[in-house]
Amino acid sequence: MASAADIGGGARRRARPGARDVDPPVRPVQPVPAAVRLTPAMLLALQAFDTAFRLGSFKAASAALHLTPSAVSHRIGTLERKLGEALFVRKHRQVQPTPAGEALAAATARAFAELARVAAPAEAVAGHRRLRLTALPFFASDWLMPRVARFMSAHPDIELVIQTASRHADLDSEAFDAAVRVGDGDWPGLVAMRLMDIRATPVATDDLVRQLKLRRPADLAHATLIHVTTFPLAWPMWLEKAGVPGLTPRHAVWVDGFGAAMQLAEQGAGVAMGLEPLIAGRERRGMLCRPLSVSQPTGSYWLVHRKDDAGHPGLRMLKRWLQAEIAADG
């Protein structure tokens, strides 16, 4: 679609490579018959024509519109038949507009420019009402999702888009307004707001704790330890902190995320490494317990965003809401 920068003065002829400086006579476009007035197909044909005129070829227009060259040619051919006018002279690898094409291009330039002008504020408003957040899966499933209905209720005008990923999203190249990350808060070029500190501690079902008689870290030698591939040092770090760095468990199983580890632990399959405070909900529901008091600091969760997005209304609302929810958790 043409933008204001493409127009170059409304009805004035737009320059193309190799064009002469002298404008040819431009005659008015004949009124469009009622039978071909602006149907969806007609609008698509006009878009194809306008793009081909600006770019000088059907091939370039097809690339810009994500169509095949034959589709662009078909749309323009349909438009020519409807209007009863040839709009282009087809040449090898390029097209030359006819006088009728020149006149129609002046009209489409004005029309598409006005559409772009009117739509721009609406698009900006829609963008500010949509908040795109990427979060680590365990944080999203165990902390954010149980609470997000309250955010939606408090801010019904915000369209929240949440995507989970085990890796940190690149906010410079990916279409997110903010991200929840784990680390120390030092990400150059980004604004970071600390959400909560994380501590790793073993969790298991009450039945398994009684069965294994887990009272001391050394008792884990009789257990199956559930490891997480995205945090392979969780158990070694905790065992060293607990004073049993060389402990060898009875069995070990590996899964690809903390959510899967919690599910296995809830089934009594072994002892998993839980993350405080995210495991609080499972503890309250009696699904898991903490049999040992030792916990290992493992960083913090942070909300990060680009400096340029600090004024995003939805982002400001999310930050205030997160702070209030965390404060309510104590």
C-alpha atoms as a PDB file:
ATOM      1  CA  MET A   1       0.000   0.000   0.000  1.00  0.00           C
ATOM      2  CA  ALA A   2       1.307   3.447  -0.805  1.00  0.00           C
ATOM      3  CA  SER A   3       2.527   5.629   2.031  1.00  0.00           C
ATOM      4  CA  ALA A   4       2.812   9.406   2.139  1.00  0.00           C
ATOM      5  CA  ALA A   5       6.504   9.095   1.288  1.00  0.00           C
ATOM      6  CA  ASP A   6       5.613   7.185  -1.883  1.00  0.00           C
ATOM      7  CA  ILE A   7       3.246   9.797  -3.191  1.00  0.00           C
ATOM      8  CA  GLY A   8       5.516  12.709  -4.000  1.00  0.00           C
ATOM      9  CA  GLY A   9       2.854  15.341  -4.274  1.00  0.00           C
ATOM     10  CA  GLY A  10      -0.465  13.652  -4.890  1.00  0.00           C
ATOM     11  CA  ALA A  11      -1.482  14.028  -8.533  1.00  0.00           C
ATOM     12  CA  ARG A  12       2.076  14.850  -9.587  1.00  0.00           C
ATOM     13  CA  ARG A  13       3.624  12.046 -11.609  1.00  0.00           C
ATOM     14  CA  ARG A  14       5.955   9.846  -9.539  1.00  0.00           C
ATOM     15  CA  ALA A  15       9.469   9.443 -10.849  1.00  0.00           C
ATOM     16  CA  ARG A  16      10.711   6.080 -12.094  1.00  0.00           C
ATOM     17  CA  PRO A  17      14.172   5.061 -13.249  1.00  0.00           C
ATOM     18  CA  GLY A  18      14.706   6.213 -16.817  1.00  0.00           C
ATOM     19  CA  ALA A  19      11.637   8.434 -16.892  1.00  0.00           C
ATOM     20  CA  ARG A  20      11.855  11.734 -18.785  1.00  0.00           C
ATOM     21  CA  ASP A  21      11.617  15.033 -16.932  1.00  0.00           C
ATOM     22  CA  VAL A  22       8.664  16.212 -19.050  1.00  0.00           C
ATOM     23  CA  ASP A  23       5.314  14.888 -17.933  1.00  0.00           C
ATOM     24  CA  PRO A  24       3.099  13.506 -20.703  1.00  0.00           C
ATOM     25  CA  PRO A  25      -0.419  14.828 -21.028  1.00  0.00           C
ATOM     26  CA  VAL A  26      -2.640  13.240 -18.406  1.00  0.00           C
ATOM     27  CA  ARG A  27      -6.272  12.759 -19.209  1.00  0.00           C
ATOM     28  CA  PRO A  28      -8.933  12.141 -16.563  1.00  0.00           C
ATOM     29  CA  VAL A  29      -9.800   8.565 -15.744  1.00  0.00           C
ATOM     30  CA  GLN A  30     -13.257   7.635 -16.963  1.00  0.00           C
ATOM     31  CA  PRO A  31     -15.823   7.092 -14.213  1.00  0.00           C
ATOM     32  CA  VAL A  32     -15.757   3.533 -12.924  1.00  0.00           C
ATOM     33  CA  PRO A  33     -18.934   1.685 -13.913  1.00  0.00           C
ATOM     34  CA  ALA A  34     -21.198   0.891 -10.982  1.00  0.00           C
ATOM     35  CA  ALA A  35     -20.763  -2.835 -11.576  1.00  0.00           C
ATOM     36  CA  VAL A  36     -17.045  -2.633 -10.776  1.00  0.00           C
ATOM     37  CA  ARG A  37     -17.041  -0.169  -7.913  1.00  0.00           C
ATOM     38  CA  LEU A  38     -15.022  -0.973  -4.844  1.00  0.00           C
ATOM     39  CA  THR A  39     -15.603  -4.632  -4.185  1.00  0.00           C
ATOM     40  CA  PRO A  40     -12.901  -6.502  -2.217  1.00  0.00           C
ATOM     41  CA  ALA A  41     -11.569  -7.940  -5.486  1.00  0.00           C
ATOM     42  CA  MET A  42     -11.440  -4.453  -7.000  1.00  0.00           C
ATOM     43  CA  LEU A  43      -9.493  -3.111  -4.023  1.00  0.00           C
ATOM     44  CA  LEU A  44      -6.970  -5.939  -4.312  1.00  0.00           C
ATOM     45  CA  ALA A  45      -6.605  -5.243  -8.018  1.00  0.00           C
ATOM     46  CA  LEU A  46      -6.042  -1.535  -7.349  1.00  0.00           C
ATOM     47  CA  GLN A  47      -3.421  -2.412  -4.728  1.00  0.00           C
ATOM     48  CA  ALA A  48      -1.608  -4.644  -7.229  1.00  0.00           C
ATOM     49  CA  PHE A  49      -1.745  -1.905  -9.859  1.00  0.00           C
ATOM     50  CA  ASP A  50      -0.491   0.797  -7.488  1.00  0.00           C
ATOM     51  CA  THR A  51       2.399  -1.380  -6.295  1.00  0.00           C
ATOM     52  CA  ALA A  52       3.409  -2.340  -9.842  1.00  0.00           C
ATOM     53  CA  PHE A  53       3.313   1.319 -10.889  1.00  0.00           C
ATOM     54  CA  ARG A  54       5.528   2.396  -7.994  1.00  0.00           C
ATOM     55  CA  LEU A  55       8.042  -0.426  -8.371  1.00  0.00           C
ATOM     56  CA  GLY A  56       8.102  -0.565 -12.165  1.00  0.00           C
ATOM     57  CA  SER A  57       7.516  -4.291 -12.646  1.00  0.00           C
ATOM     58  CA  PHE A  58       5.093  -7.069 -11.867  1.00  0.00           C
ATOM     59  CA  LYS A  59       7.913  -9.158 -10.400  1.00  0.00           C
ATOM     60  CA  ALA A  60       8.865  -6.471  -7.872  1.00  0.00           C
ATOM     61  CA  ALA A  61       5.200  -5.957  -7.017  1.00  0.00           C
ATOM     62  CA  SER A  62       4.723  -9.679  -6.462  1.00  0.00           C
ATOM     63  CA  ALA A  63       7.616  -9.743  -3.995  1.00  0.00           C
ATOM     64  CA  ALA A  64       6.247  -6.729  -2.110  1.00  0.00           C
ATOM     65  CA  LEU A  65       2.751  -8.221  -1.914  1.00  0.00           C
ATOM     66  CA  HIS A  66       3.881 -11.807  -1.260  1.00  0.00           C
ATOM     67  CA  LEU A  67       2.142 -12.991  -4.424  1.00  0.00           C
ATOM     68  CA  THR A  68       3.326 -14.712  -7.577  1.00  0.00           C
ATOM     69  CA  PRO A  69       4.027 -12.525 -10.641  1.00  0.00           C
ATOM     70  CA  SER A  70       1.210 -14.306 -12.464  1.00  0.00           C
ATOM     71  CA  ALA A  71      -1.215 -13.411  -9.649  1.00  0.00           C
ATOM     72  CA  VAL A  72      -0.244  -9.734  -9.906  1.00  0.00           C
ATOM     73  CA  SER A  73      -0.595  -9.866 -13.692  1.00  0.00           C
ATOM     74  CA  HIS A  74      -3.998 -11.526 -13.357  1.00  0.00           C
ATOM     75  CA  ARG A  75      -5.282  -8.889 -10.921  1.00  0.00           C
ATOM     76  CA  ILE A  76      -4.116  -6.033 -13.119  1.00  0.00           C
ATOM     77  CA  GLY A  77      -5.516  -7.718 -16.222  1.00  0.00           C
ATOM     78  CA  THR A  78      -8.880  -8.061 -14.491  1.00  0.00           C
ATOM     79  CA  LEU A  79      -8.754  -4.373 -13.565  1.00  0.00           C
ATOM     80  CA  GLU A  80      -7.975  -3.408 -17.161  1.00  0.00           C
ATOM     81  CA  ARG A  81     -10.907  -5.440 -18.464  1.00  0.00           C
ATOM     82  CA  LYS A  82     -13.257  -3.907 -15.895  1.00  0.00           C
ATOM     83  CA  LEU A  83     -12.140  -0.382 -16.791  1.00  0.00           C
ATOM     84  CA  GLY A  84     -11.935  -1.031 -20.501  1.00  0.00           C
ATOM     85  CA  GLU A  85      -8.474   0.550 -20.556  1.00  0.00           C
ATOM     86  CA  ALA A  86      -4.910  -0.717 -20.929  1.00  0.00           C
ATOM     87  CA  LEU A  87      -2.988   0.500 -17.880  1.00  0.00           C
ATOM     88  CA  PHE A  88       0.466  -0.820 -18.798  1.00  0.00           C
ATOM     89  CA  VAL A  89       2.458  -1.589 -21.904  1.00  0.00           C
ATOM     90  CA  ARG A  90       4.131  -4.923 -21.150  1.00  0.00           C
ATOM     91  CA  LYS A  91       7.832  -5.012 -21.979  1.00  0.00           C
ATOM     92  CA  HIS A  92      10.600  -7.489 -21.223  1.00  0.00           C
ATOM     93  CA  ARG A  93      11.169  -7.470 -17.426  1.00  0.00           C
ATOM     94  CA  GLN A  94       9.386  -4.145 -16.993  1.00  0.00           C
ATOM     95  CA  VAL A  95       6.104  -2.407 -17.627  1.00  0.00           C
ATOM     96  CA  GLN A  96       5.444   1.064 -18.984  1.00  0.00           C
ATOM     97  CA  PRO A  97       2.275   2.824 -17.820  1.00  0.00           C
ATOM     98  CA  THR A  98      -0.102   4.140 -20.424  1.00  0.00           C
ATOM     99  CA  PRO A  99      -1.654   7.610 -20.080  1.00  0.00           C
ATOM    100  CA  ALA A 100      -4.663   5.921 -18.471  1.00  0.00           C
ATOM    101  CA  GLY A 101      -2.301   4.152 -16.074  1.00  0.00           C
ATOM    102  CA  GLU A 102      -0.624   7.452 -15.193  1.00  0.00           C
ATOM    103  CA  ALA A 103      -3.963   9.036 -14.398  1.00  0.00           C
ATOM    104  CA  LEU A 104      -5.195   6.090 -12.339  1.00  0.00           C
ATOM    105  CA  ALA A 105      -1.902   5.999 -10.420  1.00  0.00           C
ATOM    106  CA  ALA A 106      -2.392   9.611  -9.357  1.00  0.00           C
ATOM    107  CA  ALA A 107      -5.808   8.676  -7.989  1.00  0.00           C
ATOM    108  CA  THR A 108      -4.636   5.528  -6.193  1.00  0.00           C
ATOM    109  CA  ALA A 109      -1.741   7.465  -4.670  1.00  0.00           C
ATOM    110  CA  ARG A 110      -4.108   9.980  -3.123  1.00  0.00           C
ATOM    111  CA  ALA A 111      -6.556   7.307  -1.994  1.00  0.00           C
ATOM    112  CA  PHE A 112      -4.013   4.966  -0.408  1.00  0.00           C
ATOM    113  CA  ALA A 113      -2.202   7.875   1.227  1.00  0.00           C
ATOM    114  CA  GLU A 114      -5.426   9.036   2.835  1.00  0.00           C
ATOM    115  CA  LEU A 115      -6.180   5.495   4.013  1.00  0.00           C
ATOM    116  CA  ALA A 116      -2.691   5.245   5.517  1.00  0.00           C
ATOM    117  CA  ARG A 117      -3.101   8.623   7.225  1.00  0.00           C
ATOM    118  CA  VAL A 118      -6.434   7.674   8.779  1.00  0.00           C
ATOM    119  CA  ALA A 119      -5.345   4.164   9.756  1.00  0.00           C
ATOM    120  CA  ALA A 120      -2.042   5.185  11.369  1.00  0.00           C
ATOM    121  CA  PRO A 121      -3.523   6.551  14.637  1.00  0.00           C
ATOM    122  CA  ALA A 122      -5.845   3.544  14.949  1.00  0.00           C
ATOM    123  CA  GLU A 123      -2.935   1.178  14.421  1.00  0.00           C
ATOM    124  CA  ALA A 124      -0.895   3.017  17.042  1.00  0.00           C
ATOM    125  CA  VAL A 125      -3.765   2.850  19.539  1.00  0.00           C
ATOM    126  CA  ALA A 126      -4.239  -0.865  18.877  1.00  0.00           C
ATOM    127  CA  GLY A 127      -0.522  -1.432  19.355  1.00  0.00           C
ATOM    128  CA  HIS A 128      -0.580   0.311  22.720  1.00  0.00           C
ATOM    129  CA  ARG A 129      -3.551  -1.789  23.824  1.00  0.00           C
ATOM    130  CA  ARG A 130      -1.741  -5.003  22.969  1.00  0.00           C
ATOM    131  CA  LEU A 131       1.023  -6.141  25.321  1.00  0.00           C
ATOM    132  CA  ARG A 132       3.281  -8.943  24.105  1.00  0.00           C
ATOM    133  CA  LEU A 133       5.085 -10.739  26.922  1.00  0.00           C
ATOM    134  CA  THR A 134       7.485 -13.671  26.774  1.00  0.00           C
ATOM    135  CA  ALA A 135       8.142 -15.587  29.975  1.00  0.00           C
ATOM    136  CA  LEU A 136      10.049 -18.641  31.130  1.00  0.00           C
ATOM    137  CA  PRO A 137       7.683 -21.647  31.235  1.00  0.00           C
ATOM    138  CA  PHE A 138       7.865 -22.462  34.964  1.00  0.00           C
ATOM    139  CA  PHE A 139       7.326 -18.843  35.984  1.00  0.00           C
ATOM    140  CA  ALA A 140       4.409 -18.594  33.565  1.00  0.00           C
ATOM    141  CA  SER A 141       2.688 -21.829  34.623  1.00  0.00           C
ATOM    142  CA  ASP A 142       3.228 -21.687  38.387  1.00  0.00           C
ATOM    143  CA  TRP A 143       3.122 -17.986  39.168  1.00  0.00           C
ATOM    144  CA  LEU A 144       1.781 -15.881  36.316  1.00  0.00           C
ATOM    145  CA  MET A 145      -1.100 -17.955  34.942  1.00  0.00           C
ATOM    146  CA  PRO A 146      -2.850 -18.492  38.299  1.00  0.00           C
ATOM    147  CA  ARG A 147      -2.927 -14.695  38.714  1.00  0.00           C
ATOM    148  CA  VAL A 148      -3.321 -13.330  35.192  1.00  0.00           C
ATOM    149  CA  ALA A 149      -7.133 -13.334  35.320  1.00  0.00           C
ATOM    150  CA  ARG A 150      -6.883 -10.579  37.937  1.00  0.00           C
ATOM    151  CA  PHE A 151      -4.816  -8.451  35.549  1.00  0.00           C
ATOM    152  CA  MET A 152      -7.339  -9.013  32.765  1.00  0.00           C
ATOM    153  CA  SER A 153     -10.196  -8.067  35.062  1.00  0.00           C
ATOM    154  CA  ALA A 154      -8.440  -4.903  36.228  1.00  0.00           C
ATOM    155  CA  HIS A 155      -7.378  -3.903  32.702  1.00  0.00           C
ATOM    156  CA  PRO A 156     -10.003  -5.170  30.228  1.00  0.00           C
ATOM    157  CA  ASP A 157      -8.755  -2.754  27.556  1.00  0.00           C
ATOM    158  CA  ILE A 158      -5.324  -4.448  27.403  1.00  0.00           C
ATOM    159  CA  GLU A 159      -4.949  -7.361  25.010  1.00  0.00           C
ATOM    160  CA  LEU A 160      -2.330  -9.556  26.670  1.00  0.00           C
ATOM    161  CA  VAL A 161      -0.294 -11.911  24.474  1.00  0.00           C
ATOM    162  CA  ILE A 162       1.844 -14.383  26.466  1.00  0.00           C
ATOM    163  CA  GLN A 163       4.388 -16.715  24.911  1.00  0.00           C
ATOM    164  CA  THR A 164       6.617 -19.080  26.867  1.00  0.00           C
ATOM    165  CA  ALA A 165      10.144 -20.093  25.910  1.00  0.00           C
ATOM    166  CA  SER A 166      13.013 -21.723  27.773  1.00  0.00           C
ATOM    167  CA  ARG A 167      15.523 -19.317  26.249  1.00  0.00           C
ATOM    168  CA  HIS A 168      15.799 -15.576  26.757  1.00  0.00           C
ATOM    169  CA  ALA A 169      14.083 -13.734  23.895  1.00  0.00           C
ATOM    170  CA  ASP A 170      16.061 -11.092  22.001  1.00  0.00           C
ATOM    171  CA  LEU A 171      13.970  -7.962  22.487  1.00  0.00           C
ATOM    172  CA  ASP A 172      15.911  -6.128  19.764  1.00  0.00           C
ATOM    173  CA  SER A 173      14.853  -8.548  17.043  1.00  0.00           C
ATOM    174  CA  GLU A 174      11.730 -10.330  18.335  1.00  0.00           C
ATOM    175  CA  ALA A 175       8.222  -8.903  18.520  1.00  0.00           C
ATOM    176  CA  PHE A 176       7.833  -8.661  22.301  1.00  0.00           C
ATOM    177  CA  ASP A 177       7.248  -5.639  24.498  1.00  0.00           C
ATOM    178  CA  ALA A 178       8.683  -7.248  27.627  1.00  0.00           C
ATOM    179  CA  ALA A 179      10.208 -10.467  28.911  1.00  0.00           C
ATOM    180  CA  VAL A 180      10.609 -12.325  32.193  1.00  0.00           C
ATOM    181  CA  ARG A 181      14.212 -13.471  32.601  1.00  0.00           C
ATOM    182  CA  VAL A 182      16.414 -15.112  35.214  1.00  0.00           C
ATOM    183  CA  GLY A 183      19.741 -13.509  36.059  1.00  0.00           C
ATOM    184  CA  ASP A 184      21.394 -10.652  37.883  1.00  0.00           C
ATOM    185  CA  GLY A 185      19.547  -7.820  36.126  1.00  0.00           C
ATOM    186  CA  ASP A 186      22.518  -6.727  34.029  1.00  0.00           C
ATOM    187  CA  TRP A 187      21.349  -6.634  30.414  1.00  0.00           C
ATOM    188  CA  PRO A 188      22.880  -3.678  28.540  1.00  0.00           C
ATOM    189  CA  GLY A 189      20.364  -1.494  26.764  1.00  0.00           C
ATOM    190  CA  LEU A 190      17.378  -2.884  28.674  1.00  0.00           C
ATOM    191  CA  VAL A 191      15.413  -1.665  31.678  1.00  0.00           C
ATOM    192  CA  ALA A 192      15.204  -4.414  34.323  1.00  0.00           C
ATOM    193  CA  MET A 193      12.764  -4.551  37.253  1.00  0.00           C
ATOM    194  CA  ARG A 194      13.460  -7.231  39.863  1.00  0.00           C
ATOM    195  CA  LEU A 195      10.421  -9.367  40.579  1.00  0.00           C
ATOM    196  CA  MET A 196      11.574 -11.963  43.102  1.00  0.00           C
ATOM    197  CA  ASP A 197      14.645 -13.826  44.327  1.00  0.00           C
ATOM    198  CA  ILE A 198      14.840 -17.560  43.632  1.00  0.00           C
ATOM    199  CA  ARG A 199      16.109 -20.286  45.936  1.00  0.00           C
ATOM    200  CA  ALA A 200      16.440 -23.957  44.976  1.00  0.00           C
ATOM    201  CA  THR A 201      15.346 -26.606  47.469  1.00  0.00           C
ATOM    202  CA  PRO A 202      14.343 -30.302  47.211  1.00  0.00           C
ATOM    203  CA  VAL A 203      10.632 -31.142  47.006  1.00  0.00           C
ATOM    204  CA  ALA A 204       8.747 -34.447  47.128  1.00  0.00           C
ATOM    205  CA  THR A 205       5.422 -35.924  48.164  1.00  0.00           C
ATOM    206  CA  ASP A 206       4.720 -36.545  51.846  1.00  0.00           C
ATOM    207  CA  ASP A 207       4.404 -40.264  51.122  1.00  0.00           C
ATOM    208  CA  LEU A 208       7.838 -40.457  49.491  1.00  0.00           C
ATOM    209  CA  VAL A 209       9.443 -38.475  52.294  1.00  0.00           C
ATOM    210  CA  ARG A 210       8.052 -40.938  54.840  1.00  0.00           C
ATOM    211  CA  GLN A 211       8.999 -43.941  52.724  1.00  0.00           C
ATOM    212  CA  LEU A 212      12.623 -42.796  52.287  1.00  0.00           C
ATOM    213  CA  LYS A 213      12.827 -41.323  55.788  1.00  0.00           C
ATOM    214  CA  LEU A 214      14.290 -38.098  54.393  1.00  0.00           C
ATOM    215  CA  ARG A 215      15.564 -36.175  57.389  1.00  0.00           C
ATOM    216  CA  ARG A 216      19.109 -35.209  56.351  1.00  0.00           C
ATOM    217  CA  PRO A 217      20.746 -34.377  52.992  1.00  0.00           C
ATOM    218  CA  ALA A 218      22.678 -37.673  53.136  1.00  0.00           C
ATOM    219  CA  ASP A 219      19.366 -39.577  53.046  1.00  0.00           C
ATOM    220  CA  LEU A 220      19.009 -38.544  49.381  1.00  0.00           C
ATOM    221  CA  ALA A 221      21.416 -41.383  48.536  1.00  0.00           C
ATOM    222  CA  HIS A 222      18.375 -43.693  48.714  1.00  0.00           C
ATOM    223  CA  ALA A 223      16.247 -41.525  46.409  1.00  0.00           C
ATOM    224  CA  THR A 224      15.723 -40.951  42.704  1.00  0.00           C
ATOM    225  CA  LEU A 225      16.798 -37.401  41.892  1.00  0.00           C
ATOM    226  CA  ILE A 226      14.893 -35.581  39.150  1.00  0.00           C
ATOM    227  CA  HIS A 227      17.197 -33.300  37.123  1.00  0.00           C
ATOM    228  CA  VAL A 228      16.310 -30.482  34.707  1.00  0.00           C
ATOM    229  CA  THR A 229      18.332 -30.289  31.488  1.00  0.00           C
ATOM    230  CA  THR A 230      18.032 -26.499  31.286  1.00  0.00           C
ATOM    231  CA  PHE A 231      19.539 -26.161  34.783  1.00  0.00           C
ATOM    232  CA  PRO A 232      21.955 -29.113  35.059  1.00  0.00           C
ATOM    233  CA  LEU A 233      23.890 -27.620  37.987  1.00  0.00           C
ATOM    234  CA  ALA A 234      20.860 -27.270  40.255  1.00  0.00           C
ATOM    235  CA  TRP A 235      21.448 -30.512  42.140  1.00  0.00           C
ATOM    236  CA  PRO A 236      25.287 -30.341  42.250  1.00  0.00           C
ATOM    237  CA  MET A 237      25.127 -26.785  43.623  1.00  0.00           C
ATOM    238  CA  TRP A 238      22.557 -27.717  46.245  1.00  0.00           C
ATOM    239  CA  LEU A 239      24.415 -30.891  47.315  1.00  0.00           C
ATOM    240  CA  GLU A 240      27.592 -28.877  47.802  1.00  0.00           C
ATOM    241  CA  LYS A 241      25.708 -26.256  49.822  1.00  0.00           C
ATOM    242  CA  ALA A 242      24.168 -29.062  51.919  1.00  0.00           C
ATOM    243  CA  GLY A 243      27.587 -30.528  52.718  1.00  0.00           C
ATOM    244  CA  VAL A 244      27.289 -33.747  50.655  1.00  0.00           C
ATOM    245  CA  PRO A 245      28.993 -32.808  47.351  1.00  0.00           C
ATOM    246  CA  GLY A 246      29.956 -36.369  46.466  1.00  0.00           C
ATOM    247  CA  LEU A 247      26.556 -37.918  47.088  1.00  0.00           C
ATOM    248  CA  THR A 248      25.471 -40.530  44.531  1.00  0.00           C
ATOM    249  CA  PRO A 249      21.700 -41.100  44.404  1.00  0.00           C
ATOM    250  CA  ARG A 250      20.072 -44.455  43.877  1.00  0.00           C
ATOM    251  CA  HIS A 251      18.646 -43.389  40.502  1.00  0.00           C
ATOM    252  CA  ALA A 252      18.448 -40.260  38.338  1.00  0.00           C
ATOM    253  CA  VAL A 253      16.000 -39.064  35.699  1.00  0.00           C
ATOM    254  CA  TRP A 254      16.288 -36.010  33.446  1.00  0.00           C
ATOM    255  CA  VAL A 255      13.467 -33.835  32.069  1.00  0.00           C
ATOM    256  CA  ASP A 256      13.548 -30.648  30.009  1.00  0.00           C
ATOM    257  CA  GLY A 257      11.862 -28.214  32.386  1.00  0.00           C
ATOM    258  CA  PHE A 258      10.913 -27.471  35.976  1.00  0.00           C
ATOM    259  CA  GLY A 259       7.226 -27.962  35.195  1.00  0.00           C
ATOM    260  CA  ALA A 260       7.854 -31.542  34.069  1.00  0.00           C
ATOM    261  CA  ALA A 261      10.062 -32.115  37.112  1.00  0.00           C
ATOM    262  CA  MET A 262       7.248 -30.978  39.412  1.00  0.00           C
ATOM    263  CA  GLN A 263       4.788 -33.316  37.702  1.00  0.00           C
ATOM    264  CA  LEU A 264       7.114 -36.283  38.168  1.00  0.00           C
ATOM    265  CA  ALA A 265       7.669 -35.383  41.797  1.00  0.00           C
ATOM    266  CA  GLU A 266       3.906 -35.120  42.373  1.00  0.00           C
ATOM    267  CA  GLN A 267       3.561 -38.686  41.079  1.00  0.00           C
ATOM    268  CA  GLY A 268       6.057 -39.888  43.682  1.00  0.00           C
ATOM    269  CA  ALA A 269       8.687 -40.697  41.035  1.00  0.00           C
ATOM    270  CA  GLY A 270      11.490 -39.004  42.931  1.00  0.00           C
ATOM    271  CA  VAL A 271      12.805 -35.865  44.582  1.00  0.00           C
ATOM    272  CA  ALA A 272      12.908 -32.766  42.369  1.00  0.00           C
ATOM    273  CA  MET A 273      14.632 -29.445  42.779  1.00  0.00           C
ATOM    274  CA  GLY A 274      11.933 -26.865  43.365  1.00  0.00           C
ATOM    275  CA  LEU A 275      12.224 -23.112  43.073  1.00  0.00           C
ATOM    276  CA  GLU A 276      11.037 -20.902  45.904  1.00  0.00           C
ATOM    277  CA  PRO A 277       8.688 -19.044  45.869  1.00  0.00           C
ATOM    278  CA  LEU A 278       7.101 -20.670  42.805  1.00  0.00           C
ATOM    279  CA  ILE A 279       6.447 -23.945  44.628  1.00  0.00           C
ATOM    280  CA  ALA A 280       4.316 -22.238  47.283  1.00  0.00           C
ATOM    281  CA  GLY A 281       1.062 -23.027  45.467  1.00  0.00           C
ATOM    282  CA  ARG A 282       1.857 -26.736  45.235  1.00  0.00           C
ATOM    283  CA  GLU A 283       2.726 -26.750  48.942  1.00  0.00           C
ATOM    284  CA  ARG A 284      -0.552 -25.077  49.885  1.00  0.00           C
ATOM    285  CA  ARG A 285      -2.487 -27.676  47.904  1.00  0.00           C
ATOM    286  CA  GLY A 286      -0.599 -30.487  49.651  1.00  0.00           C
ATOM    287  CA  MET A 287       0.914 -31.780  46.419  1.00  0.00           C
ATOM    288  CA  LEU A 288       4.555 -31.363  47.468  1.00  0.00           C
ATOM    289  CA  CYS A 289       6.534 -30.564  50.580  1.00  0.00           C
ATOM    290  CA  ARG A 290      10.054 -29.436  51.462  1.00  0.00           C
ATOM    291  CA  PRO A 291      11.664 -32.230  53.496  1.00  0.00           C
ATOM    292  CA  LEU A 292      14.998 -30.452  54.028  1.00  0.00           C
ATOM    293  CA  SER A 293      15.667 -26.913  55.195  1.00  0.00           C
ATOM    294  CA  VAL A 294      18.719 -26.169  53.028  1.00  0.00           C
ATOM    295  CA  SER A 295      18.096 -23.841  50.075  1.00  0.00           C
ATOM    296  CA  GLN A 296      20.483 -22.477  47.452  1.00  0.00           C
ATOM    297  CA  PRO A 297      20.191 -18.927  45.973  1.00  0.00           C
ATOM    298  CA  THR A 298      19.990 -19.169  42.182  1.00  0.00           C
ATOM    299  CA  GLY A 299      19.397 -15.599  40.991  1.00  0.00           C
ATOM    300  CA  SER A 300      16.233 -13.600  40.497  1.00  0.00           C
ATOM    301  CA  TYR A 301      13.335 -13.205  38.111  1.00  0.00           C
ATOM    302  CA  TRP A 302      13.303  -9.873  36.288  1.00  0.00           C
ATOM    303  CA  LEU A 303      10.893  -8.082  34.001  1.00  0.00           C
ATOM    304  CA  VAL A 304      12.911  -6.471  31.210  1.00  0.00           C
ATOM    305  CA  HIS A 305      11.975  -4.188  28.335  1.00  0.00           C
ATOM    306  CA  ARG A 306      13.545  -1.759  25.881  1.00  0.00           C
ATOM    307  CA  LYS A 307      14.145   1.792  27.093  1.00  0.00           C
ATOM    308  CA  ASP A 308      12.056   3.144  24.230  1.00  0.00           C
ATOM    309  CA  ASP A 309       9.032   1.166  25.463  1.00  0.00           C
ATOM    310  CA  ALA A 310       9.002   2.706  28.937  1.00  0.00           C
ATOM    311  CA  GLY A 311       5.981   4.828  28.005  1.00  0.00           C
ATOM    312  CA  HIS A 312       3.899   1.898  26.714  1.00  0.00           C
ATOM    313  CA  PRO A 313       0.596   2.216  28.653  1.00  0.00           C
ATOM    314  CA  GLY A 314       0.074  -1.537  28.874  1.00  0.00           C
ATOM    315  CA  LEU A 315       3.615  -2.089  30.086  1.00  0.00           C
ATOM    316  CA  ARG A 316       3.244   0.516  32.831  1.00  0.00           C
ATOM    317  CA  MET A 317       0.043  -1.180  33.987  1.00  0.00           C
ATOM    318  CA  LEU A 318       1.705  -4.604  33.969  1.00  0.00           C
ATOM    319  CA  LYS A 319       4.637  -3.364  36.060  1.00  0.00           C
ATOM    320  CA  ARG A 320       2.357  -1.825  38.682  1.00  0.00           C
ATOM    321  CA  TRP A 321       0.228  -4.966  38.779  1.00  0.00           C
ATOM    322  CA  LEU A 322       3.257  -7.264  39.159  1.00  0.00           C
ATOM    323  CA  GLN A 323       4.591  -5.169  42.032  1.00  0.00           C
ATOM    324  CA  ALA A 324       1.220  -5.274  43.783  1.00  0.00           C
ATOM    325  CA  GLU A 325       0.865  -9.049  43.355  1.00  0.00           C
ATOM    326  CA  ILE A 326       4.374  -9.723  44.643  1.00  0.00           C
ATOM    327  CA  ALA A 327       3.826  -7.430  47.621  1.00  0.00           C
ATOM    328  CA  ALA A 328       0.587  -9.279  48.421  1.00  0.00           C
ATOM    329  CA  ASP A 329       2.504 -12.571  48.447  1.00  0.00           C
ATOM    330  CA  GLY A 330       4.687 -11.145  51.202  1.00  0.00           C
END
